[in-house]
Amino acid sequence: MKCLPPANKPEPGEIRECNRYLAAELDALPAHASILALGQIAHQAVLRARGLKLKDYPFAHASDYRLPDGRRLVSSYHCSRYNTQTRRLTPEMFATVFTKIQTKD
């Protein structure tokens, strides 16, 4: 999501409004591009932008999906201060996601 919302959490209407821009950016990516989604909101936004069902691609840290259009969606917990200070996301966990996204399926 490129919108910076108040209270650091976008409203559903803001997500819908920004999603058309995300869809256009995803359309411009190469056919076998990898997409890194930081957080569940971003993960779900990518799926909505591609017209996919959220239940078919559940969010989880380090999840790795090949989407029907050939692109790859790798997701991570968001690297917010809350997630890092509570150790929900550690530097090692975040590094693992970047290692994963560099590998081929």
PDB file of N, CA and C in Angstrom:
ATOM      1  N   MET A   1       0.850  -1.168   0.000  1.00  0.00           N
ATOM      2  CA  MET A   1       0.000   0.000   0.000  1.00  0.00           C
ATOM      3  C   MET A   1       0.894   1.229   0.000  1.00  0.00           C
ATOM      4  N   LYS A   2       0.561   2.173  -0.831  1.00  0.00           N
ATOM      5  CA  LYS A   2       1.344   3.398  -0.895  1.00  0.00           C
ATOM      6  C   LYS A   2       0.705   4.528  -0.107  1.00  0.00           C
ATOM      7  N   CYS A   3      -0.455   4.304   0.441  1.00  0.00           N
ATOM      8  CA  CYS A   3      -1.125   5.341   1.209  1.00  0.00           C
ATOM      9  C   CYS A   3      -0.647   5.263   2.658  1.00  0.00           C
ATOM     10  N   LEU A   4      -0.299   6.396   3.240  1.00  0.00           N
ATOM     11  CA  LEU A   4       0.093   6.431   4.644  1.00  0.00           C
ATOM     12  C   LEU A   4      -1.116   6.890   5.434  1.00  0.00           C
ATOM     13  N   PRO A   5      -1.800   5.978   6.092  1.00  0.00           N
ATOM     14  CA  PRO A   5      -3.055   6.309   6.772  1.00  0.00           C
ATOM     15  C   PRO A   5      -2.847   6.886   8.166  1.00  0.00           C
ATOM     16  N   PRO A   6      -3.855   7.598   8.665  1.00  0.00           N
ATOM     17  CA  PRO A   6      -3.817   8.032  10.071  1.00  0.00           C
ATOM     18  C   PRO A   6      -3.836   6.797  10.970  1.00  0.00           C
ATOM     19  N   ALA A   7      -3.206   6.883  12.091  1.00  0.00           N
ATOM     20  CA  ALA A   7      -3.131   5.786  13.060  1.00  0.00           C
ATOM     21  C   ALA A   7      -2.485   4.541  12.455  1.00  0.00           C
ATOM     22  N   ASN A   8      -1.794   4.699  11.335  1.00  0.00           N
ATOM     23  CA  ASN A   8      -1.006   3.639  10.701  1.00  0.00           C
ATOM     24  C   ASN A   8      -1.829   2.431  10.266  1.00  0.00           C
ATOM     25  N   LYS A   9      -3.133   2.599  10.082  1.00  0.00           N
ATOM     26  CA  LYS A   9      -3.968   1.503   9.591  1.00  0.00           C
ATOM     27  C   LYS A   9      -4.999   2.096   8.638  1.00  0.00           C
ATOM     28  N   PRO A  10      -4.963   1.668   7.389  1.00  0.00           N
ATOM     29  CA  PRO A  10      -5.893   2.257   6.421  1.00  0.00           C
ATOM     30  C   PRO A  10      -7.334   1.808   6.645  1.00  0.00           C
ATOM     31  N   GLU A  11      -8.247   2.678   6.291  1.00  0.00           N
ATOM     32  CA  GLU A  11      -9.668   2.354   6.307  1.00  0.00           C
ATOM     33  C   GLU A  11      -9.987   1.519   5.070  1.00  0.00           C
ATOM     34  N   PRO A  12     -11.034   0.702   5.105  1.00  0.00           N
ATOM     35  CA  PRO A  12     -11.382  -0.106   3.931  1.00  0.00           C
ATOM     36  C   PRO A  12     -11.540   0.720   2.649  1.00  0.00           C
ATOM     37  N   GLY A  13     -12.130   1.886   2.737  1.00  0.00           N
ATOM     38  CA  GLY A  13     -12.287   2.745   1.564  1.00  0.00           C
ATOM     39  C   GLY A  13     -10.952   3.205   1.006  1.00  0.00           C
ATOM     40  N   GLU A  14      -9.996   3.466   1.873  1.00  0.00           N
ATOM     41  CA  GLU A  14      -8.663   3.869   1.428  1.00  0.00           C
ATOM     42  C   GLU A  14      -7.968   2.719   0.708  1.00  0.00           C
ATOM     43  N   ILE A  15      -8.146   1.529   1.229  1.00  0.00           N
ATOM     44  CA  ILE A  15      -7.543   0.355   0.593  1.00  0.00           C
ATOM     45  C   ILE A  15      -8.122   0.178  -0.811  1.00  0.00           C
ATOM     46  N   ARG A  16      -9.447   0.283  -0.914  1.00  0.00           N
ATOM     47  CA  ARG A  16     -10.089   0.141  -2.234  1.00  0.00           C
ATOM     48  C   ARG A  16      -9.612   1.216  -3.199  1.00  0.00           C
ATOM     49  N   GLU A  17      -9.491   2.441  -2.722  1.00  0.00           N
ATOM     50  CA  GLU A  17      -9.061   3.544  -3.592  1.00  0.00           C
ATOM     51  C   GLU A  17      -7.636   3.337  -4.090  1.00  0.00           C
ATOM     52  N   CYS A  18      -6.757   2.895  -3.226  1.00  0.00           N
ATOM     53  CA  CYS A  18      -5.357   2.689  -3.603  1.00  0.00           C
ATOM     54  C   CYS A  18      -5.169   1.440  -4.463  1.00  0.00           C
ATOM     55  N   ASN A  19      -6.097   0.497  -4.358  1.00  0.00           N
ATOM     56  CA  ASN A  19      -5.917  -0.785  -5.031  1.00  0.00           C
ATOM     57  C   ASN A  19      -5.849  -0.666  -6.545  1.00  0.00           C
ATOM     58  N   ARG A  20      -6.554   0.290  -7.131  1.00  0.00           N
ATOM     59  CA  ARG A  20      -6.494   0.424  -8.594  1.00  0.00           C
ATOM     60  C   ARG A  20      -5.100   0.853  -9.045  1.00  0.00           C
ATOM     61  N   TYR A  21      -4.424   1.649  -8.226  1.00  0.00           N
ATOM     62  CA  TYR A  21      -3.053   2.037  -8.561  1.00  0.00           C
ATOM     63  C   TYR A  21      -2.110   0.847  -8.428  1.00  0.00           C
ATOM     64  N   LEU A  22      -2.324   0.058  -7.396  1.00  0.00           N
ATOM     65  CA  LEU A  22      -1.520  -1.151  -7.211  1.00  0.00           C
ATOM     66  C   LEU A  22      -1.737  -2.102  -8.379  1.00  0.00           C
ATOM     67  N   ALA A  23      -2.972  -2.273  -8.803  1.00  0.00           N
ATOM     68  CA  ALA A  23      -3.264  -3.166  -9.928  1.00  0.00           C
ATOM     69  C   ALA A  23      -2.510  -2.721 -11.178  1.00  0.00           C
ATOM     70  N   ALA A  24      -2.474  -1.426 -11.428  1.00  0.00           N
ATOM     71  CA  ALA A  24      -1.748  -0.912 -12.602  1.00  0.00           C
ATOM     72  C   ALA A  24      -0.247  -1.180 -12.473  1.00  0.00           C
ATOM     73  N   GLU A  25       0.296  -1.018 -11.283  1.00  0.00           N
ATOM     74  CA  GLU A  25       1.724  -1.281 -11.079  1.00  0.00           C
ATOM     75  C   GLU A  25       2.033  -2.764 -11.252  1.00  0.00           C
ATOM     76  N   LEU A  26       1.174  -3.624 -10.755  1.00  0.00           N
ATOM     77  CA  LEU A  26       1.384  -5.063 -10.915  1.00  0.00           C
ATOM     78  C   LEU A  26       1.300  -5.468 -12.380  1.00  0.00           C
ATOM     79  N   ASP A  27       0.390  -4.852 -13.127  1.00  0.00           N
ATOM     80  CA  ASP A  27       0.265  -5.147 -14.557  1.00  0.00           C
ATOM     81  C   ASP A  27       1.550  -4.809 -15.310  1.00  0.00           C
ATOM     82  N   ALA A  28       2.281  -3.826 -14.823  1.00  0.00           N
ATOM     83  CA  ALA A  28       3.500  -3.381 -15.498  1.00  0.00           C
ATOM     84  C   ALA A  28       4.716  -4.253 -15.169  1.00  0.00           C
ATOM     85  N   LEU A  29       4.586  -5.151 -14.203  1.00  0.00           N
ATOM     86  CA  LEU A  29       5.719  -6.012 -13.827  1.00  0.00           C
ATOM     87  C   LEU A  29       5.955  -7.086 -14.876  1.00  0.00           C
ATOM     88  N   PRO A  30       7.194  -7.558 -14.984  1.00  0.00           N
ATOM     89  CA  PRO A  30       7.473  -8.694 -15.873  1.00  0.00           C
ATOM     90  C   PRO A  30       6.644  -9.909 -15.454  1.00  0.00           C
ATOM     91  N   ALA A  31       6.412 -10.786 -16.384  1.00  0.00           N
ATOM     92  CA  ALA A  31       5.529 -11.938 -16.175  1.00  0.00           C
ATOM     93  C   ALA A  31       5.943 -12.834 -15.009  1.00  0.00           C
ATOM     94  N   HIS A  32       7.217 -12.956 -14.728  1.00  0.00           N
ATOM     95  CA  HIS A  32       7.661 -13.844 -13.648  1.00  0.00           C
ATOM     96  C   HIS A  32       8.283 -13.071 -12.484  1.00  0.00           C
ATOM     97  N   ALA A  33       7.777 -11.868 -12.256  1.00  0.00           N
ATOM     98  CA  ALA A  33       8.297 -11.024 -11.175  1.00  0.00           C
ATOM     99  C   ALA A  33       7.925 -11.608  -9.815  1.00  0.00           C
ATOM    100  N   SER A  34       8.731 -11.275  -8.829  1.00  0.00           N
ATOM    101  CA  SER A  34       8.416 -11.605  -7.443  1.00  0.00           C
ATOM    102  C   SER A  34       7.924 -10.344  -6.758  1.00  0.00           C
ATOM    103  N   ILE A  35       6.872 -10.494  -5.962  1.00  0.00           N
ATOM    104  CA  ILE A  35       6.265  -9.390  -5.235  1.00  0.00           C
ATOM    105  C   ILE A  35       6.467  -9.660  -3.759  1.00  0.00           C
ATOM    106  N   LEU A  36       6.989  -8.687  -3.026  1.00  0.00           N
ATOM    107  CA  LEU A  36       7.157  -8.812  -1.582  1.00  0.00           C
ATOM    108  C   LEU A  36       6.100  -7.951  -0.914  1.00  0.00           C
ATOM    109  N   ALA A  37       5.196  -8.585  -0.189  1.00  0.00           N
ATOM    110  CA  ALA A  37       4.139  -7.875   0.537  1.00  0.00           C
ATOM    111  C   ALA A  37       4.539  -7.795   2.006  1.00  0.00           C
ATOM    112  N   LEU A  38       4.577  -6.572   2.522  1.00  0.00           N
ATOM    113  CA  LEU A  38       4.924  -6.363   3.926  1.00  0.00           C
ATOM    114  C   LEU A  38       3.648  -6.158   4.723  1.00  0.00           C
ATOM    115  N   GLY A  39       3.184  -7.216   5.354  1.00  0.00           N
ATOM    116  CA  GLY A  39       1.990  -7.169   6.177  1.00  0.00           C
ATOM    117  C   GLY A  39       0.780  -7.775   5.491  1.00  0.00           C
ATOM    118  N   GLN A  40      -0.200  -8.130   6.304  1.00  0.00           N
ATOM    119  CA  GLN A  40      -1.400  -8.780   5.798  1.00  0.00           C
ATOM    120  C   GLN A  40      -2.215  -7.865   4.890  1.00  0.00           C
ATOM    121  N   ILE A  41      -2.261  -6.579   5.207  1.00  0.00           N
ATOM    122  CA  ILE A  41      -3.020  -5.651   4.366  1.00  0.00           C
ATOM    123  C   ILE A  41      -2.421  -5.609   2.970  1.00  0.00           C
ATOM    124  N   ALA A  42      -1.114  -5.540   2.871  1.00  0.00           N
ATOM    125  CA  ALA A  42      -0.454  -5.519   1.560  1.00  0.00           C
ATOM    126  C   ALA A  42      -0.644  -6.849   0.841  1.00  0.00           C
ATOM    127  N   HIS A  43      -0.529  -7.934   1.559  1.00  0.00           N
ATOM    128  CA  HIS A  43      -0.730  -9.275   0.991  1.00  0.00           C
ATOM    129  C   HIS A  43      -2.122  -9.369   0.362  1.00  0.00           C
ATOM    130  N   GLN A  44      -3.125  -8.983   1.128  1.00  0.00           N
ATOM    131  CA  GLN A  44      -4.491  -9.055   0.629  1.00  0.00           C
ATOM    132  C   GLN A  44      -4.738  -8.066  -0.507  1.00  0.00           C
ATOM    133  N   ALA A  45      -4.092  -6.914  -0.456  1.00  0.00           N
ATOM    134  CA  ALA A  45      -4.250  -5.927  -1.526  1.00  0.00           C
ATOM    135  C   ALA A  45      -3.734  -6.468  -2.857  1.00  0.00           C
ATOM    136  N   VAL A  46      -2.614  -7.179  -2.820  1.00  0.00           N
ATOM    137  CA  VAL A  46      -2.085  -7.784  -4.045  1.00  0.00           C
ATOM    138  C   VAL A  46      -3.087  -8.793  -4.598  1.00  0.00           C
ATOM    139  N   LEU A  47      -3.636  -9.617  -3.726  1.00  0.00           N
ATOM    140  CA  LEU A  47      -4.604 -10.617  -4.175  1.00  0.00           C
ATOM    141  C   LEU A  47      -5.846  -9.962  -4.770  1.00  0.00           C
ATOM    142  N   ARG A  48      -6.341  -8.928  -4.110  1.00  0.00           N
ATOM    143  CA  ARG A  48      -7.520  -8.226  -4.642  1.00  0.00           C
ATOM    144  C   ARG A  48      -7.201  -7.585  -5.985  1.00  0.00           C
ATOM    145  N   ALA A  49      -6.025  -7.000  -6.102  1.00  0.00           N
ATOM    146  CA  ALA A  49      -5.628  -6.350  -7.357  1.00  0.00           C
ATOM    147  C   ALA A  49      -5.538  -7.350  -8.501  1.00  0.00           C
ATOM    148  N   ARG A  50      -5.257  -8.600  -8.194  1.00  0.00           N
ATOM    149  CA  ARG A  50      -5.179  -9.648  -9.215  1.00  0.00           C
ATOM    150  C   ARG A  50      -6.510 -10.374  -9.374  1.00  0.00           C
ATOM    151  N   GLY A  51      -7.526  -9.986  -8.589  1.00  0.00           N
ATOM    152  CA  GLY A  51      -8.838 -10.616  -8.688  1.00  0.00           C
ATOM    153  C   GLY A  51      -8.877 -12.018  -8.114  1.00  0.00           C
ATOM    154  N   LEU A  52      -8.047 -12.279  -7.105  1.00  0.00           N
ATOM    155  CA  LEU A  52      -7.942 -13.620  -6.518  1.00  0.00           C
ATOM    156  C   LEU A  52      -8.662 -13.687  -5.178  1.00  0.00           C
ATOM    157  N   LYS A  53      -9.052 -14.883  -4.798  1.00  0.00           N
ATOM    158  CA  LYS A  53      -9.746 -15.096  -3.530  1.00  0.00           C
ATOM    159  C   LYS A  53      -8.734 -15.152  -2.389  1.00  0.00           C
ATOM    160  N   LEU A  54      -9.011 -14.376  -1.343  1.00  0.00           N
ATOM    161  CA  LEU A  54      -8.108 -14.327  -0.193  1.00  0.00           C
ATOM    162  C   LEU A  54      -7.953 -15.695   0.465  1.00  0.00           C
ATOM    163  N   LYS A  55      -9.021 -16.463   0.508  1.00  0.00           N
ATOM    164  CA  LYS A  55      -8.973 -17.766   1.189  1.00  0.00           C
ATOM    165  C   LYS A  55      -8.048 -18.758   0.485  1.00  0.00           C
ATOM    166  N   ASP A  56      -7.800 -18.539  -0.793  1.00  0.00           N
ATOM    167  CA  ASP A  56      -6.928 -19.449  -1.542  1.00  0.00           C
ATOM    168  C   ASP A  56      -5.440 -19.175  -1.305  1.00  0.00           C
ATOM    169  N   TYR A  57      -5.135 -18.017  -0.721  1.00  0.00           N
ATOM    170  CA  TYR A  57      -3.746 -17.610  -0.484  1.00  0.00           C
ATOM    171  C   TYR A  57      -3.646 -16.982   0.912  1.00  0.00           C
ATOM    172  N   PRO A  58      -3.770 -17.786   1.964  1.00  0.00           N
ATOM    173  CA  PRO A  58      -3.764 -17.209   3.312  1.00  0.00           C
ATOM    174  C   PRO A  58      -2.437 -16.532   3.650  1.00  0.00           C
ATOM    175  N   PHE A  59      -2.551 -15.432   4.379  1.00  0.00           N
ATOM    176  CA  PHE A  59      -1.361 -14.705   4.810  1.00  0.00           C
ATOM    177  C   PHE A  59      -0.660 -15.457   5.922  1.00  0.00           C
ATOM    178  N   ALA A  60       0.639 -15.516   5.826  1.00  0.00           N
ATOM    179  CA  ALA A  60       1.498 -16.024   6.901  1.00  0.00           C
ATOM    180  C   ALA A  60       2.882 -15.437   6.661  1.00  0.00           C
ATOM    181  N   HIS A  61       3.625 -15.268   7.716  1.00  0.00           N
ATOM    182  CA  HIS A  61       4.991 -14.791   7.540  1.00  0.00           C
ATOM    183  C   HIS A  61       5.765 -15.812   6.705  1.00  0.00           C
ATOM    184  N   ALA A  62       6.474 -15.327   5.716  1.00  0.00           N
ATOM    185  CA  ALA A  62       7.290 -16.136   4.800  1.00  0.00           C
ATOM    186  C   ALA A  62       6.449 -17.029   3.890  1.00  0.00           C
ATOM    187  N   SER A  63       5.156 -16.703   3.732  1.00  0.00           N
ATOM    188  CA  SER A  63       4.359 -17.463   2.768  1.00  0.00           C
ATOM    189  C   SER A  63       4.906 -17.187   1.369  1.00  0.00           C
ATOM    190  N   ASP A  64       4.730 -18.139   0.486  1.00  0.00           N
ATOM    191  CA  ASP A  64       5.326 -18.077  -0.852  1.00  0.00           C
ATOM    192  C   ASP A  64       4.353 -18.725  -1.826  1.00  0.00           C
ATOM    193  N   TYR A  65       3.729 -17.918  -2.670  1.00  0.00           N
ATOM    194  CA  TYR A  65       2.727 -18.419  -3.612  1.00  0.00           C
ATOM    195  C   TYR A  65       3.098 -18.058  -5.041  1.00  0.00           C
ATOM    196  N   ARG A  66       2.866 -18.990  -5.938  1.00  0.00           N
ATOM    197  CA  ARG A  66       2.939 -18.703  -7.370  1.00  0.00           C
ATOM    198  C   ARG A  66       1.505 -18.356  -7.778  1.00  0.00           C
ATOM    199  N   LEU A  67       1.300 -17.151  -8.276  1.00  0.00           N
ATOM    200  CA  LEU A  67      -0.023 -16.700  -8.671  1.00  0.00           C
ATOM    201  C   LEU A  67      -0.350 -17.201 -10.075  1.00  0.00           C
ATOM    202  N   PRO A  68      -1.626 -17.269 -10.421  1.00  0.00           N
ATOM    203  CA  PRO A  68      -2.005 -17.797 -11.735  1.00  0.00           C
ATOM    204  C   PRO A  68      -1.376 -17.055 -12.919  1.00  0.00           C
ATOM    205  N   ASP A  69      -1.034 -15.779 -12.747  1.00  0.00           N
ATOM    206  CA  ASP A  69      -0.433 -15.022 -13.850  1.00  0.00           C
ATOM    207  C   ASP A  69       1.078 -15.247 -13.969  1.00  0.00           C
ATOM    208  N   GLY A  70       1.636 -16.151 -13.134  1.00  0.00           N
ATOM    209  CA  GLY A  70       3.058 -16.467 -13.190  1.00  0.00           C
ATOM    210  C   GLY A  70       3.902 -15.695 -12.210  1.00  0.00           C
ATOM    211  N   ARG A  71       3.350 -14.650 -11.636  1.00  0.00           N
ATOM    212  CA  ARG A  71       4.103 -13.872 -10.659  1.00  0.00           C
ATOM    213  C   ARG A  71       4.111 -14.605  -9.316  1.00  0.00           C
ATOM    214  N   ARG A  72       5.069 -14.241  -8.499  1.00  0.00           N
ATOM    215  CA  ARG A  72       5.252 -14.888  -7.205  1.00  0.00           C
ATOM    216  C   ARG A  72       4.955 -13.880  -6.109  1.00  0.00           C
ATOM    217  N   LEU A  73       4.212 -14.298  -5.098  1.00  0.00           N
ATOM    218  CA  LEU A  73       3.901 -13.448  -3.956  1.00  0.00           C
ATOM    219  C   LEU A  73       4.528 -14.045  -2.705  1.00  0.00           C
ATOM    220  N   VAL A  74       5.496 -13.319  -2.156  1.00  0.00           N
ATOM    221  CA  VAL A  74       6.136 -13.692  -0.895  1.00  0.00           C
ATOM    222  C   VAL A  74       5.730 -12.625   0.113  1.00  0.00           C
ATOM    223  N   SER A  75       5.314 -13.050   1.296  1.00  0.00           N
ATOM    224  CA  SER A  75       4.819 -12.098   2.291  1.00  0.00           C
ATOM    225  C   SER A  75       5.577 -12.211   3.604  1.00  0.00           C
ATOM    226  N   SER A  76       5.580 -11.103   4.319  1.00  0.00           N
ATOM    227  CA  SER A  76       6.259 -11.019   5.608  1.00  0.00           C
ATOM    228  C   SER A  76       5.391 -10.221   6.565  1.00  0.00           C
ATOM    229  N   TYR A  77       5.579 -10.455   7.848  1.00  0.00           N
ATOM    230  CA  TYR A  77       5.006  -9.520   8.801  1.00  0.00           C
ATOM    231  C   TYR A  77       5.551  -8.137   8.449  1.00  0.00           C
ATOM    232  N   HIS A  78       4.757  -7.125   8.682  1.00  0.00           N
ATOM    233  CA  HIS A  78       5.209  -5.754   8.411  1.00  0.00           C
ATOM    234  C   HIS A  78       6.344  -5.413   9.368  1.00  0.00           C
ATOM    235  N   CYS A  79       7.299  -4.671   8.872  1.00  0.00           N
ATOM    236  CA  CYS A  79       8.484  -4.329   9.679  1.00  0.00           C
ATOM    237  C   CYS A  79       8.241  -3.081  10.525  1.00  0.00           C
ATOM    238  N   SER A  80       7.063  -2.958  11.083  1.00  0.00           N
ATOM    239  CA  SER A  80       6.715  -1.819  11.927  1.00  0.00           C
ATOM    240  C   SER A  80       7.450  -1.901  13.265  1.00  0.00           C
ATOM    241  N   ARG A  81       7.498  -0.782  13.919  1.00  0.00           N
ATOM    242  CA  ARG A  81       8.133  -0.729  15.239  1.00  0.00           C
ATOM    243  C   ARG A  81       7.429  -1.690  16.202  1.00  0.00           C
ATOM    244  N   TYR A  82       6.100  -1.743  16.130  1.00  0.00           N
ATOM    245  CA  TYR A  82       5.359  -2.650  17.015  1.00  0.00           C
ATOM    246  C   TYR A  82       5.819  -4.095  16.812  1.00  0.00           C
ATOM    247  N   ASN A  83       5.889  -4.543  15.566  1.00  0.00           N
ATOM    248  CA  ASN A  83       6.275  -5.933  15.303  1.00  0.00           C
ATOM    249  C   ASN A  83       7.718  -6.218  15.664  1.00  0.00           C
ATOM    250  N   THR A  84       8.600  -5.255  15.480  1.00  0.00           N
ATOM    251  CA  THR A  84      10.005  -5.507  15.805  1.00  0.00           C
ATOM    252  C   THR A  84      10.274  -5.392  17.301  1.00  0.00           C
ATOM    253  N   GLN A  85       9.630  -4.444  17.984  1.00  0.00           N
ATOM    254  CA  GLN A  85       9.860  -4.301  19.421  1.00  0.00           C
ATOM    255  C   GLN A  85       9.259  -5.454  20.221  1.00  0.00           C
ATOM    256  N   THR A  86       8.170  -6.011  19.725  1.00  0.00           N
ATOM    257  CA  THR A  86       7.558  -7.154  20.418  1.00  0.00           C
ATOM    258  C   THR A  86       8.201  -8.473  19.999  1.00  0.00           C
ATOM    259  N   ARG A  87       9.112  -8.405  19.040  1.00  0.00           N
ATOM    260  CA  ARG A  87       9.832  -9.557  18.503  1.00  0.00           C
ATOM    261  C   ARG A  87       8.915 -10.517  17.750  1.00  0.00           C
ATOM    262  N   ARG A  88       7.763 -10.022  17.334  1.00  0.00           N
ATOM    263  CA  ARG A  88       6.927 -10.819  16.436  1.00  0.00           C
ATOM    264  C   ARG A  88       7.682 -11.022  15.129  1.00  0.00           C
ATOM    265  N   LEU A  89       8.460 -10.009  14.761  1.00  0.00           N
ATOM    266  CA  LEU A  89       9.328 -10.083  13.587  1.00  0.00           C
ATOM    267  C   LEU A  89      10.748  -9.774  14.047  1.00  0.00           C
ATOM    268  N   THR A  90      11.610 -10.770  13.939  1.00  0.00           N
ATOM    269  CA  THR A  90      13.008 -10.589  14.332  1.00  0.00           C
ATOM    270  C   THR A  90      13.845 -10.294  13.083  1.00  0.00           C
ATOM    271  N   PRO A  91      15.032  -9.740  13.263  1.00  0.00           N
ATOM    272  CA  PRO A  91      15.907  -9.521  12.101  1.00  0.00           C
ATOM    273  C   PRO A  91      16.173 -10.820  11.331  1.00  0.00           C
ATOM    274  N   GLU A  92      16.301 -11.921  12.049  1.00  0.00           N
ATOM    275  CA  GLU A  92      16.550 -13.208  11.390  1.00  0.00           C
ATOM    276  C   GLU A  92      15.349 -13.643  10.544  1.00  0.00           C
ATOM    277  N   MET A  93      14.153 -13.439  11.061  1.00  0.00           N
ATOM    278  CA  MET A  93      12.943 -13.788  10.308  1.00  0.00           C
ATOM    279  C   MET A  93      12.833 -12.939   9.043  1.00  0.00           C
ATOM    280  N   PHE A  94      13.148 -11.664   9.168  1.00  0.00           N
ATOM    281  CA  PHE A  94      13.062 -10.761   8.026  1.00  0.00           C
ATOM    282  C   PHE A  94      14.113 -11.130   6.984  1.00  0.00           C
ATOM    283  N   ALA A  95      15.319 -11.461   7.433  1.00  0.00           N
ATOM    284  CA  ALA A  95      16.382 -11.877   6.516  1.00  0.00           C
ATOM    285  C   ALA A  95      15.995 -13.151   5.771  1.00  0.00           C
ATOM    286  N   THR A  96      15.323 -14.054   6.452  1.00  0.00           N
ATOM    287  CA  THR A  96      14.884 -15.303   5.821  1.00  0.00           C
ATOM    288  C   THR A  96      13.966 -15.028   4.641  1.00  0.00           C
ATOM    289  N   VAL A  97      13.086 -14.050   4.781  1.00  0.00           N
ATOM    290  CA  VAL A  97      12.168 -13.704   3.691  1.00  0.00           C
ATOM    291  C   VAL A  97      12.959 -13.216   2.476  1.00  0.00           C
ATOM    292  N   PHE A  98      13.981 -12.415   2.704  1.00  0.00           N
ATOM    293  CA  PHE A  98      14.782 -11.911   1.585  1.00  0.00           C
ATOM    294  C   PHE A  98      15.618 -13.016   0.944  1.00  0.00           C
ATOM    295  N   THR A  99      16.056 -13.965   1.738  1.00  0.00           N
ATOM    296  CA  THR A  99      16.739 -15.124   1.178  1.00  0.00           C
ATOM    297  C   THR A  99      15.771 -15.930   0.318  1.00  0.00           C
ATOM    298  N   LYS A 100      14.575 -16.143   0.829  1.00  0.00           N
ATOM    299  CA  LYS A 100      13.560 -16.912   0.127  1.00  0.00           C
ATOM    300  C   LYS A 100      13.202 -16.259  -1.208  1.00  0.00           C
ATOM    301  N   ILE A 101      13.018 -14.957  -1.214  1.00  0.00           N
ATOM    302  CA  ILE A 101      12.564 -14.296  -2.440  1.00  0.00           C
ATOM    303  C   ILE A 101      13.654 -14.311  -3.528  1.00  0.00           C
ATOM    304  N   GLN A 102      14.891 -14.497  -3.126  1.00  0.00           N
ATOM    305  CA  GLN A 102      15.995 -14.568  -4.108  1.00  0.00           C
ATOM    306  C   GLN A 102      16.151 -15.950  -4.719  1.00  0.00           C
ATOM    307  N   THR A 103      15.521 -16.954  -4.111  1.00  0.00           N
ATOM    308  CA  THR A 103      15.636 -18.313  -4.637  1.00  0.00           C
ATOM    309  C   THR A 103      14.543 -18.567  -5.667  1.00  0.00           C
ATOM    310  N   LYS A 104      14.828 -19.448  -6.573  1.00  0.00           N
ATOM    311  CA  LYS A 104      13.826 -19.836  -7.562  1.00  0.00           C
ATOM    312  C   LYS A 104      13.004 -20.968  -7.003  1.00  0.00           C
ATOM    313  N   ASP A 105      11.772 -21.064  -7.472  1.00  0.00           N
ATOM    314  CA  ASP A 105      10.873 -22.134  -6.988  1.00  0.00           C
ATOM    315  C   ASP A 105      11.461 -23.492  -7.264  1.00  0.00           C
TER     316      ASP A 105
END
